[in-house]
PDB file of N, CA and C in Angstrom:
ATOM      1  N   MET A   1       5.536 -23.914  -2.072  1.00  0.00           N
ATOM      2  CA  MET A   1       5.699 -22.672  -2.786  1.00  0.00           C
ATOM      3  C   MET A   1       6.474 -22.928  -4.071  1.00  0.00           C
ATOM      4  N   ILE A   2       6.003 -22.354  -5.145  1.00  0.00           N
ATOM      5  CA  ILE A   2       6.692 -22.490  -6.426  1.00  0.00           C
ATOM      6  C   ILE A   2       7.797 -21.450  -6.491  1.00  0.00           C
ATOM      7  N   SER A   3       8.998 -21.903  -6.773  1.00  0.00           N
ATOM      8  CA  SER A   3      10.127 -20.978  -6.848  1.00  0.00           C
ATOM      9  C   SER A   3      10.641 -20.820  -8.269  1.00  0.00           C
ATOM     10  N   SER A   4       9.939 -21.440  -9.213  1.00  0.00           N
ATOM     11  CA  SER A   4      10.354 -21.380 -10.606  1.00  0.00           C
ATOM     12  C   SER A   4       9.112 -21.406 -11.487  1.00  0.00           C
ATOM     13  N   LEU A   5       9.182 -20.773 -12.645  1.00  0.00           N
ATOM     14  CA  LEU A   5       8.063 -20.841 -13.573  1.00  0.00           C
ATOM     15  C   LEU A   5       8.013 -22.182 -14.283  1.00  0.00           C
ATOM     16  N   GLU A   6       9.030 -22.983 -14.147  1.00  0.00           N
ATOM     17  CA  GLU A   6       9.082 -24.316 -14.737  1.00  0.00           C
ATOM     18  C   GLU A   6       9.402 -25.352 -13.655  1.00  0.00           C
ATOM     19  N   PRO A   7       8.535 -25.482 -12.635  1.00  0.00           N
ATOM     20  CA  PRO A   7       8.827 -26.442 -11.574  1.00  0.00           C
ATOM     21  C   PRO A   7       8.734 -27.875 -12.087  1.00  0.00           C
ATOM     22  N   SER A   8       9.449 -28.773 -11.438  1.00  0.00           N
ATOM     23  CA  SER A   8       9.397 -30.188 -11.772  1.00  0.00           C
ATOM     24  C   SER A   8       8.117 -30.761 -11.173  1.00  0.00           C
ATOM     25  N   VAL A   9       7.212 -31.203 -12.043  1.00  0.00           N
ATOM     26  CA  VAL A   9       5.910 -31.684 -11.594  1.00  0.00           C
ATOM     27  C   VAL A   9       5.570 -32.976 -12.328  1.00  0.00           C
ATOM     28  N   ASP A  10       5.052 -33.951 -11.595  1.00  0.00           N
ATOM     29  CA  ASP A  10       4.554 -35.180 -12.204  1.00  0.00           C
ATOM     30  C   ASP A  10       3.083 -34.940 -12.538  1.00  0.00           C
ATOM     31  N   ALA A  11       2.787 -34.661 -13.808  1.00  0.00           N
ATOM     32  CA  ALA A  11       1.439 -34.285 -14.230  1.00  0.00           C
ATOM     33  C   ALA A  11       0.412 -35.373 -13.926  1.00  0.00           C
ATOM     34  N   ALA A  12       0.742 -36.629 -14.183  1.00  0.00           N
ATOM     35  CA  ALA A  12      -0.211 -37.719 -13.946  1.00  0.00           C
ATOM     36  C   ALA A  12      -0.533 -37.848 -12.460  1.00  0.00           C
ATOM     37  N   ALA A  13       0.486 -37.804 -11.619  1.00  0.00           N
ATOM     38  CA  ALA A  13       0.264 -37.905 -10.172  1.00  0.00           C
ATOM     39  C   ALA A  13      -0.511 -36.696  -9.662  1.00  0.00           C
ATOM     40  N   SER A  14      -0.198 -35.518 -10.178  1.00  0.00           N
ATOM     41  CA  SER A  14      -0.899 -34.310  -9.749  1.00  0.00           C
ATOM     42  C   SER A  14      -2.374 -34.374 -10.114  1.00  0.00           C
ATOM     43  N   GLU A  15      -2.675 -34.837 -11.331  1.00  0.00           N
ATOM     44  CA  GLU A  15      -4.083 -34.940 -11.739  1.00  0.00           C
ATOM     45  C   GLU A  15      -4.818 -35.959 -10.879  1.00  0.00           C
ATOM     46  N   THR A  16      -4.201 -37.091 -10.606  1.00  0.00           N
ATOM     47  CA  THR A  16      -4.819 -38.105  -9.750  1.00  0.00           C
ATOM     48  C   THR A  16      -5.097 -37.537  -8.366  1.00  0.00           C
ATOM     49  N   ASN A  17      -4.117 -36.880  -7.778  1.00  0.00           N
ATOM     50  CA  ASN A  17      -4.289 -36.286  -6.444  1.00  0.00           C
ATOM     51  C   ASN A  17      -5.375 -35.227  -6.440  1.00  0.00           C
ATOM     52  N   LEU A  18      -5.389 -34.385  -7.461  1.00  0.00           N
ATOM     53  CA  LEU A  18      -6.388 -33.324  -7.550  1.00  0.00           C
ATOM     54  C   LEU A  18      -7.789 -33.913  -7.668  1.00  0.00           C
ATOM     55  N   ARG A  19      -7.964 -34.896  -8.534  1.00  0.00           N
ATOM     56  CA  ARG A  19      -9.282 -35.513  -8.710  1.00  0.00           C
ATOM     57  C   ARG A  19      -9.755 -36.197  -7.422  1.00  0.00           C
ATOM     58  N   GLN A  20      -8.861 -36.856  -6.712  1.00  0.00           N
ATOM     59  CA  GLN A  20      -9.241 -37.500  -5.456  1.00  0.00           C
ATOM     60  C   GLN A  20      -9.657 -36.461  -4.423  1.00  0.00           C
ATOM     61  N   ALA A  21      -8.896 -35.381  -4.319  1.00  0.00           N
ATOM     62  CA  ALA A  21      -9.213 -34.333  -3.346  1.00  0.00           C
ATOM     63  C   ALA A  21     -10.541 -33.658  -3.681  1.00  0.00           C
ATOM     64  N   VAL A  22     -10.726 -33.304  -4.933  1.00  0.00           N
ATOM     65  CA  VAL A  22     -11.979 -32.665  -5.349  1.00  0.00           C
ATOM     66  C   VAL A  22     -13.141 -33.637  -5.163  1.00  0.00           C
ATOM     67  N   GLY A  23     -12.914 -34.903  -5.490  1.00  0.00           N
ATOM     68  CA  GLY A  23     -13.964 -35.912  -5.381  1.00  0.00           C
ATOM     69  C   GLY A  23     -14.487 -36.107  -3.976  1.00  0.00           C
ATOM     70  N   ARG A  24     -13.669 -35.841  -2.978  1.00  0.00           N
ATOM     71  CA  ARG A  24     -14.132 -35.953  -1.586  1.00  0.00           C
ATOM     72  C   ARG A  24     -15.197 -34.912  -1.275  1.00  0.00           C
ATOM     73  N   PHE A  25     -15.098 -33.739  -1.879  1.00  0.00           N
ATOM     74  CA  PHE A  25     -16.028 -32.647  -1.594  1.00  0.00           C
ATOM     75  C   PHE A  25     -17.092 -32.483  -2.672  1.00  0.00           C
ATOM     76  N   LEU A  26     -16.726 -32.767  -3.910  1.00  0.00           N
ATOM     77  CA  LEU A  26     -17.643 -32.617  -5.040  1.00  0.00           C
ATOM     78  C   LEU A  26     -17.570 -33.883  -5.896  1.00  0.00           C
ATOM     79  N   PRO A  27     -18.215 -34.957  -5.450  1.00  0.00           N
ATOM     80  CA  PRO A  27     -18.100 -36.233  -6.151  1.00  0.00           C
ATOM     81  C   PRO A  27     -18.442 -36.159  -7.641  1.00  0.00           C
ATOM     82  N   SER A  28     -19.354 -35.293  -8.008  1.00  0.00           N
ATOM     83  CA  SER A  28     -19.742 -35.209  -9.422  1.00  0.00           C
ATOM     84  C   SER A  28     -18.612 -34.687 -10.303  1.00  0.00           C
ATOM     85  N   LEU A  29     -17.615 -34.039  -9.719  1.00  0.00           N
ATOM     86  CA  LEU A  29     -16.506 -33.509 -10.512  1.00  0.00           C
ATOM     87  C   LEU A  29     -15.304 -34.453 -10.583  1.00  0.00           C
ATOM     88  N   LYS A  30     -15.327 -35.510  -9.787  1.00  0.00           N
ATOM     89  CA  LYS A  30     -14.164 -36.406  -9.731  1.00  0.00           C
ATOM     90  C   LYS A  30     -13.800 -36.969 -11.102  1.00  0.00           C
ATOM     91  N   ASP A  31     -14.806 -37.323 -11.889  1.00  0.00           N
ATOM     92  CA  ASP A  31     -14.558 -37.913 -13.204  1.00  0.00           C
ATOM     93  C   ASP A  31     -14.950 -36.971 -14.337  1.00  0.00           C
ATOM     94  N   ALA A  32     -15.009 -35.681 -14.059  1.00  0.00           N
ATOM     95  CA  ALA A  32     -15.360 -34.700 -15.093  1.00  0.00           C
ATOM     96  C   ALA A  32     -14.303 -34.706 -16.192  1.00  0.00           C
ATOM     97  N   PRO A  33     -14.733 -34.489 -17.431  1.00  0.00           N
ATOM     98  CA  PRO A  33     -13.741 -34.454 -18.509  1.00  0.00           C
ATOM     99  C   PRO A  33     -12.770 -33.294 -18.329  1.00  0.00           C
ATOM    100  N   GLY A  34     -11.572 -33.506 -18.747  1.00  0.00           N
ATOM    101  CA  GLY A  34     -10.562 -32.457 -18.639  1.00  0.00           C
ATOM    102  C   GLY A  34      -9.242 -33.050 -18.201  1.00  0.00           C
ATOM    103  N   THR A  35      -8.217 -32.278 -18.335  1.00  0.00           N
ATOM    104  CA  THR A  35      -6.899 -32.732 -17.912  1.00  0.00           C
ATOM    105  C   THR A  35      -6.235 -31.656 -17.082  1.00  0.00           C
ATOM    106  N   TRP A  36      -5.361 -32.095 -16.217  1.00  0.00           N
ATOM    107  CA  TRP A  36      -4.610 -31.202 -15.359  1.00  0.00           C
ATOM    108  C   TRP A  36      -3.604 -30.435 -16.203  1.00  0.00           C
ATOM    109  N   SER A  37      -3.386 -29.211 -15.825  1.00  0.00           N
ATOM    110  CA  SER A  37      -2.386 -28.385 -16.497  1.00  0.00           C
ATOM    111  C   SER A  37      -1.774 -27.466 -15.460  1.00  0.00           C
ATOM    112  N   ARG A  38      -0.495 -27.276 -15.511  1.00  0.00           N
ATOM    113  CA  ARG A  38       0.119 -26.344 -14.561  1.00  0.00           C
ATOM    114  C   ARG A  38       0.146 -24.961 -15.185  1.00  0.00           C
ATOM    115  N   CYS A  39      -0.059 -24.009 -14.341  1.00  0.00           N
ATOM    116  CA  CYS A  39      -0.112 -22.630 -14.806  1.00  0.00           C
ATOM    117  C   CYS A  39       0.176 -21.731 -13.614  1.00  0.00           C
ATOM    118  N   PRO A  40       1.109 -20.797 -13.719  1.00  0.00           N
ATOM    119  CA  PRO A  40       1.402 -19.941 -12.580  1.00  0.00           C
ATOM    120  C   PRO A  40       0.261 -18.984 -12.235  1.00  0.00           C
ATOM    121  N   VAL A  41      -0.677 -18.789 -13.157  1.00  0.00           N
ATOM    122  CA  VAL A  41      -1.829 -17.921 -12.911  1.00  0.00           C
ATOM    123  C   VAL A  41      -3.079 -18.668 -13.356  1.00  0.00           C
ATOM    124  N   ALA A  42      -4.107 -18.645 -12.532  1.00  0.00           N
ATOM    125  CA  ALA A  42      -5.365 -19.300 -12.897  1.00  0.00           C
ATOM    126  C   ALA A  42      -6.299 -18.278 -13.528  1.00  0.00           C
ATOM    127  N   PHE A  43      -6.851 -18.635 -14.677  1.00  0.00           N
ATOM    128  CA  PHE A  43      -7.846 -17.769 -15.302  1.00  0.00           C
ATOM    129  C   PHE A  43      -8.778 -18.607 -16.149  1.00  0.00           C
ATOM    130  N   THR A  44      -9.933 -18.049 -16.475  1.00  0.00           N
ATOM    131  CA  THR A  44     -10.947 -18.751 -17.251  1.00  0.00           C
ATOM    132  C   THR A  44     -10.759 -18.476 -18.736  1.00  0.00           C
ATOM    133  N   GLY A  45     -11.463 -19.233 -19.550  1.00  0.00           N
ATOM    134  CA  GLY A  45     -11.380 -19.064 -20.994  1.00  0.00           C
ATOM    135  C   GLY A  45     -11.829 -17.703 -21.475  1.00  0.00           C
ATOM    136  N   ASP A  46     -12.768 -17.096 -20.763  1.00  0.00           N
ATOM    137  CA  ASP A  46     -13.230 -15.766 -21.172  1.00  0.00           C
ATOM    138  C   ASP A  46     -12.485 -14.643 -20.450  1.00  0.00           C
ATOM    139  N   ARG A  47     -11.468 -15.028 -19.682  1.00  0.00           N
ATOM    140  CA  ARG A  47     -10.592 -14.084 -18.965  1.00  0.00           C
ATOM    141  C   ARG A  47     -11.295 -13.316 -17.840  1.00  0.00           C
ATOM    142  N   LEU A  48     -12.493 -13.741 -17.481  1.00  0.00           N
ATOM    143  CA  LEU A  48     -13.198 -13.135 -16.355  1.00  0.00           C
ATOM    144  C   LEU A  48     -13.105 -14.092 -15.169  1.00  0.00           C
ATOM    145  N   PRO A  49     -13.091 -13.568 -13.961  1.00  0.00           N
ATOM    146  CA  PRO A  49     -12.981 -14.439 -12.789  1.00  0.00           C
ATOM    147  C   PRO A  49     -14.256 -15.242 -12.549  1.00  0.00           C
ATOM    148  N   LEU A  50     -14.166 -16.167 -11.631  1.00  0.00           N
ATOM    149  CA  LEU A  50     -15.305 -16.949 -11.157  1.00  0.00           C
ATOM    150  C   LEU A  50     -15.624 -16.465  -9.753  1.00  0.00           C
ATOM    151  N   VAL A  51     -16.780 -15.836  -9.602  1.00  0.00           N
ATOM    152  CA  VAL A  51     -17.175 -15.283  -8.307  1.00  0.00           C
ATOM    153  C   VAL A  51     -18.619 -15.683  -8.046  1.00  0.00           C
ATOM    154  N   GLY A  52     -18.816 -16.527  -7.042  1.00  0.00           N
ATOM    155  CA  GLY A  52     -20.178 -16.897  -6.688  1.00  0.00           C
ATOM    156  C   GLY A  52     -20.331 -18.374  -6.402  1.00  0.00           C
ATOM    157  N   PRO A  53     -21.589 -18.784  -6.193  1.00  0.00           N
ATOM    158  CA  PRO A  53     -21.848 -20.179  -5.852  1.00  0.00           C
ATOM    159  C   PRO A  53     -21.597 -21.104  -7.038  1.00  0.00           C
ATOM    160  N   VAL A  54     -21.133 -22.313  -6.727  1.00  0.00           N
ATOM    161  CA  VAL A  54     -20.910 -23.330  -7.752  1.00  0.00           C
ATOM    162  C   VAL A  54     -22.249 -24.018  -8.011  1.00  0.00           C
ATOM    163  N   PRO A  55     -22.747 -23.980  -9.245  1.00  0.00           N
ATOM    164  CA  PRO A  55     -24.030 -24.627  -9.541  1.00  0.00           C
ATOM    165  C   PRO A  55     -24.006 -26.112  -9.179  1.00  0.00           C
ATOM    166  N   GLY A  56     -25.033 -26.551  -8.478  1.00  0.00           N
ATOM    167  CA  GLY A  56     -25.140 -27.958  -8.112  1.00  0.00           C
ATOM    168  C   GLY A  56     -24.288 -28.381  -6.935  1.00  0.00           C
ATOM    169  N   ALA A  57     -23.632 -27.444  -6.279  1.00  0.00           N
ATOM    170  CA  ALA A  57     -22.775 -27.772  -5.131  1.00  0.00           C
ATOM    171  C   ALA A  57     -23.109 -26.807  -3.992  1.00  0.00           C
ATOM    172  N   GLU A  58     -24.181 -27.107  -3.303  1.00  0.00           N
ATOM    173  CA  GLU A  58     -24.663 -26.220  -2.246  1.00  0.00           C
ATOM    174  C   GLU A  58     -23.573 -25.909  -1.218  1.00  0.00           C
ATOM    175  N   GLY A  59     -23.416 -24.639  -0.909  1.00  0.00           N
ATOM    176  CA  GLY A  59     -22.454 -24.208   0.091  1.00  0.00           C
ATOM    177  C   GLY A  59     -21.033 -24.030  -0.409  1.00  0.00           C
ATOM    178  N   ILE A  60     -20.788 -24.273  -1.703  1.00  0.00           N
ATOM    179  CA  ILE A  60     -19.449 -24.099  -2.271  1.00  0.00           C
ATOM    180  C   ILE A  60     -19.449 -22.832  -3.122  1.00  0.00           C
ATOM    181  N   TYR A  61     -18.521 -21.938  -2.829  1.00  0.00           N
ATOM    182  CA  TYR A  61     -18.416 -20.670  -3.544  1.00  0.00           C
ATOM    183  C   TYR A  61     -17.005 -20.512  -4.097  1.00  0.00           C
ATOM    184  N   LEU A  62     -16.906 -19.865  -5.235  1.00  0.00           N
ATOM    185  CA  LEU A  62     -15.602 -19.593  -5.840  1.00  0.00           C
ATOM    186  C   LEU A  62     -15.303 -18.102  -5.812  1.00  0.00           C
ATOM    187  N   PHE A  63     -14.067 -17.789  -5.650  1.00  0.00           N
ATOM    188  CA  PHE A  63     -13.553 -16.424  -5.796  1.00  0.00           C
ATOM    189  C   PHE A  63     -12.160 -16.628  -6.370  1.00  0.00           C
ATOM    190  N   SER A  64     -12.117 -16.919  -7.668  1.00  0.00           N
ATOM    191  CA  SER A  64     -10.890 -17.396  -8.292  1.00  0.00           C
ATOM    192  C   SER A  64     -10.848 -16.998  -9.761  1.00  0.00           C
ATOM    193  N   GLY A  65      -9.733 -17.332 -10.409  1.00  0.00           N
ATOM    194  CA  GLY A  65      -9.611 -17.122 -11.844  1.00  0.00           C
ATOM    195  C   GLY A  65      -9.309 -15.695 -12.238  1.00  0.00           C
ATOM    196  N   PHE A  66      -8.640 -14.971 -11.383  1.00  0.00           N
ATOM    197  CA  PHE A  66      -8.331 -13.570 -11.669  1.00  0.00           C
ATOM    198  C   PHE A  66      -7.051 -13.477 -12.483  1.00  0.00           C
ATOM    199  N   SER A  67      -7.173 -13.053 -13.738  1.00  0.00           N
ATOM    200  CA  SER A  67      -5.969 -12.891 -14.552  1.00  0.00           C
ATOM    201  C   SER A  67      -5.210 -11.633 -14.140  1.00  0.00           C
ATOM    202  N   ASN A  68      -5.887 -10.720 -13.491  1.00  0.00           N
ATOM    203  CA  ASN A  68      -5.264  -9.492 -12.995  1.00  0.00           C
ATOM    204  C   ASN A  68      -5.783  -9.251 -11.577  1.00  0.00           C
ATOM    205  N   PRO A  69      -5.295 -10.024 -10.598  1.00  0.00           N
ATOM    206  CA  PRO A  69      -5.885  -9.978  -9.266  1.00  0.00           C
ATOM    207  C   PRO A  69      -5.793  -8.634  -8.562  1.00  0.00           C
ATOM    208  N   PHE A  70      -4.734  -7.910  -8.760  1.00  0.00           N
ATOM    209  CA  PHE A  70      -4.580  -6.662  -8.015  1.00  0.00           C
ATOM    210  C   PHE A  70      -5.592  -5.608  -8.441  1.00  0.00           C
ATOM    211  N   ALA A  71      -6.007  -5.647  -9.692  1.00  0.00           N
ATOM    212  CA  ALA A  71      -6.983  -4.669 -10.178  1.00  0.00           C
ATOM    213  C   ALA A  71      -8.413  -5.098  -9.883  1.00  0.00           C
ATOM    214  N   LEU A  72      -8.688  -6.387  -9.929  1.00  0.00           N
ATOM    215  CA  LEU A  72     -10.068  -6.860  -9.840  1.00  0.00           C
ATOM    216  C   LEU A  72     -10.514  -7.321  -8.461  1.00  0.00           C
ATOM    217  N   MET A  73      -9.628  -7.905  -7.685  1.00  0.00           N
ATOM    218  CA  MET A  73     -10.055  -8.502  -6.420  1.00  0.00           C
ATOM    219  C   MET A  73     -10.660  -7.516  -5.426  1.00  0.00           C
ATOM    220  N   PRO A  74     -10.033  -6.394  -5.139  1.00  0.00           N
ATOM    221  CA  PRO A  74     -10.628  -5.513  -4.124  1.00  0.00           C
ATOM    222  C   PRO A  74     -12.049  -5.040  -4.455  1.00  0.00           C
ATOM    223  N   PRO A  75     -12.315  -4.519  -5.661  1.00  0.00           N
ATOM    224  CA  PRO A  75     -13.693  -4.083  -5.911  1.00  0.00           C
ATOM    225  C   PRO A  75     -14.684  -5.247  -5.981  1.00  0.00           C
ATOM    226  N   LEU A  76     -14.260  -6.390  -6.515  1.00  0.00           N
ATOM    227  CA  LEU A  76     -15.178  -7.530  -6.557  1.00  0.00           C
ATOM    228  C   LEU A  76     -15.417  -8.100  -5.164  1.00  0.00           C
ATOM    229  N   ALA A  77     -14.415  -8.107  -4.324  1.00  0.00           N
ATOM    230  CA  ALA A  77     -14.596  -8.587  -2.950  1.00  0.00           C
ATOM    231  C   ALA A  77     -15.623  -7.721  -2.229  1.00  0.00           C
ATOM    232  N   ARG A  78     -15.529  -6.433  -2.412  1.00  0.00           N
ATOM    233  CA  ARG A  78     -16.484  -5.511  -1.781  1.00  0.00           C
ATOM    234  C   ARG A  78     -17.896  -5.767  -2.312  1.00  0.00           C
ATOM    235  N   ARG A  79     -18.024  -5.880  -3.644  1.00  0.00           N
ATOM    236  CA  ARG A  79     -19.338  -6.117  -4.248  1.00  0.00           C
ATOM    237  C   ARG A  79     -19.911  -7.461  -3.779  1.00  0.00           C
ATOM    238  N   TYR A  80     -19.056  -8.488  -3.722  1.00  0.00           N
ATOM    239  CA  TYR A  80     -19.549  -9.803  -3.323  1.00  0.00           C
ATOM    240  C   TYR A  80     -19.938  -9.817  -1.846  1.00  0.00           C
ATOM    241  N   ALA A  81     -19.205  -9.136  -1.022  1.00  0.00           N
ATOM    242  CA  ALA A  81     -19.575  -9.032   0.398  1.00  0.00           C
ATOM    243  C   ALA A  81     -20.946  -8.377   0.536  1.00  0.00           C
ATOM    244  N   HIS A  82     -21.201  -7.338  -0.235  1.00  0.00           N
ATOM    245  CA  HIS A  82     -22.515  -6.678  -0.203  1.00  0.00           C
ATOM    246  C   HIS A  82     -23.590  -7.641  -0.704  1.00  0.00           C
ATOM    247  N   HIS A  83     -23.277  -8.388  -1.759  1.00  0.00           N
ATOM    248  CA  HIS A  83     -24.218  -9.366  -2.317  1.00  0.00           C
ATOM    249  C   HIS A  83     -24.591 -10.414  -1.265  1.00  0.00           C
ATOM    250  N   LEU A  84     -23.610 -10.887  -0.515  1.00  0.00           N
ATOM    251  CA  LEU A  84     -23.866 -11.910   0.500  1.00  0.00           C
ATOM    252  C   LEU A  84     -24.734 -11.398   1.638  1.00  0.00           C
ATOM    253  N   THR A  85     -24.790 -10.091   1.801  1.00  0.00           N
ATOM    254  CA  THR A  85     -25.652  -9.519   2.840  1.00  0.00           C
ATOM    255  C   THR A  85     -27.010  -9.122   2.285  1.00  0.00           C
ATOM    256  N   GLY A  86     -27.307  -9.553   1.047  1.00  0.00           N
ATOM    257  CA  GLY A  86     -28.634  -9.337   0.488  1.00  0.00           C
ATOM    258  C   GLY A  86     -28.776  -8.186  -0.482  1.00  0.00           C
ATOM    259  N   GLN A  87     -27.709  -7.481  -0.773  1.00  0.00           N
ATOM    260  CA  GLN A  87     -27.781  -6.364  -1.712  1.00  0.00           C
ATOM    261  C   GLN A  87     -27.532  -6.879  -3.127  1.00  0.00           C
ATOM    262  N   ALA A  88     -28.507  -6.685  -4.000  1.00  0.00           N
ATOM    263  CA  ALA A  88     -28.387  -7.164  -5.381  1.00  0.00           C
ATOM    264  C   ALA A  88     -27.293  -6.395  -6.118  1.00  0.00           C
ATOM    265  N   ASP A  89     -26.586  -7.089  -6.986  1.00  0.00           N
ATOM    266  CA  ASP A  89     -25.552  -6.452  -7.805  1.00  0.00           C
ATOM    267  C   ASP A  89     -25.536  -7.139  -9.165  1.00  0.00           C
ATOM    268  N   PRO A  90     -26.117  -6.514 -10.189  1.00  0.00           N
ATOM    269  CA  PRO A  90     -26.192  -7.146 -11.508  1.00  0.00           C
ATOM    270  C   PRO A  90     -24.827  -7.436 -12.129  1.00  0.00           C
ATOM    271  N   LEU A  91     -23.794  -6.730 -11.737  1.00  0.00           N
ATOM    272  CA  LEU A  91     -22.463  -6.972 -12.285  1.00  0.00           C
ATOM    273  C   LEU A  91     -21.981  -8.389 -11.981  1.00  0.00           C
ATOM    274  N   LEU A  92     -22.382  -8.934 -10.852  1.00  0.00           N
ATOM    275  CA  LEU A  92     -21.895 -10.249 -10.436  1.00  0.00           C
ATOM    276  C   LEU A  92     -22.384 -11.379 -11.342  1.00  0.00           C
ATOM    277  N   ALA A  93     -23.484 -11.188 -12.062  1.00  0.00           N
ATOM    278  CA  ALA A  93     -23.959 -12.227 -12.984  1.00  0.00           C
ATOM    279  C   ALA A  93     -22.919 -12.495 -14.067  1.00  0.00           C
ATOM    280  N   GLY A  94     -22.180 -11.477 -14.455  1.00  0.00           N
ATOM    281  CA  GLY A  94     -21.167 -11.625 -15.497  1.00  0.00           C
ATOM    282  C   GLY A  94     -19.943 -12.406 -15.073  1.00  0.00           C
ATOM    283  N   VAL A  95     -19.751 -12.598 -13.783  1.00  0.00           N
ATOM    284  CA  VAL A  95     -18.600 -13.358 -13.292  1.00  0.00           C
ATOM    285  C   VAL A  95     -19.025 -14.624 -12.538  1.00  0.00           C
ATOM    286  N   SER A  96     -20.312 -14.913 -12.563  1.00  0.00           N
ATOM    287  CA  SER A  96     -20.829 -16.096 -11.877  1.00  0.00           C
ATOM    288  C   SER A  96     -20.346 -17.379 -12.545  1.00  0.00           C
ATOM    289  N   PRO A  97     -20.000 -18.409 -11.762  1.00  0.00           N
ATOM    290  CA  PRO A  97     -19.652 -19.694 -12.363  1.00  0.00           C
ATOM    291  C   PRO A  97     -20.791 -20.263 -13.217  1.00  0.00           C
ATOM    292  N   ALA A  98     -22.025 -19.861 -12.946  1.00  0.00           N
ATOM    293  CA  ALA A  98     -23.183 -20.353 -13.699  1.00  0.00           C
ATOM    294  C   ALA A  98     -23.161 -19.905 -15.157  1.00  0.00           C
ATOM    295  N   ARG A  99     -22.353 -18.920 -15.498  1.00  0.00           N
ATOM    296  CA  ARG A  99     -22.323 -18.444 -16.887  1.00  0.00           C
ATOM    297  C   ARG A  99     -21.804 -19.506 -17.846  1.00  0.00           C
ATOM    298  N   PHE A 100     -21.150 -20.528 -17.316  1.00  0.00           N
ATOM    299  CA  PHE A 100     -20.648 -21.608 -18.156  1.00  0.00           C
ATOM    300  C   PHE A 100     -21.648 -22.755 -18.279  1.00  0.00           C
ATOM    301  N   GLY A 101     -22.855 -22.536 -17.790  1.00  0.00           N
ATOM    302  CA  GLY A 101     -23.920 -23.517 -17.967  1.00  0.00           C
ATOM    303  C   GLY A 101     -23.940 -24.648 -16.964  1.00  0.00           C
ATOM    304  N   GLY A 102     -23.175 -24.531 -15.886  1.00  0.00           N
ATOM    305  CA  GLY A 102     -23.122 -25.602 -14.890  1.00  0.00           C
ATOM    306  C   GLY A 102     -24.240 -25.597 -14.021  1.00  0.00           C
TER     307      GLY A 102
END
């Protein structure tokens, strides 16, 4: 648990550990370009969450990147649950991980 907004973190070790852990489940991402960064809140560049299947990674789904989780999570969780039971929801395309071209 983080108890400070400025925790003591070894960035190089954290990135190595993260890449190894991700690589066990998603080998194609192990050497993906990018660098580790600490952030008390996870969000995407377009400030919209990631909700849906990860392109190219069968069976892996994201429900993450909420810059305002208390406002967005409950209605999106409900919509996504309906989507998983076969009910189409065009709103979900706007928050799909596929929007980044993956």
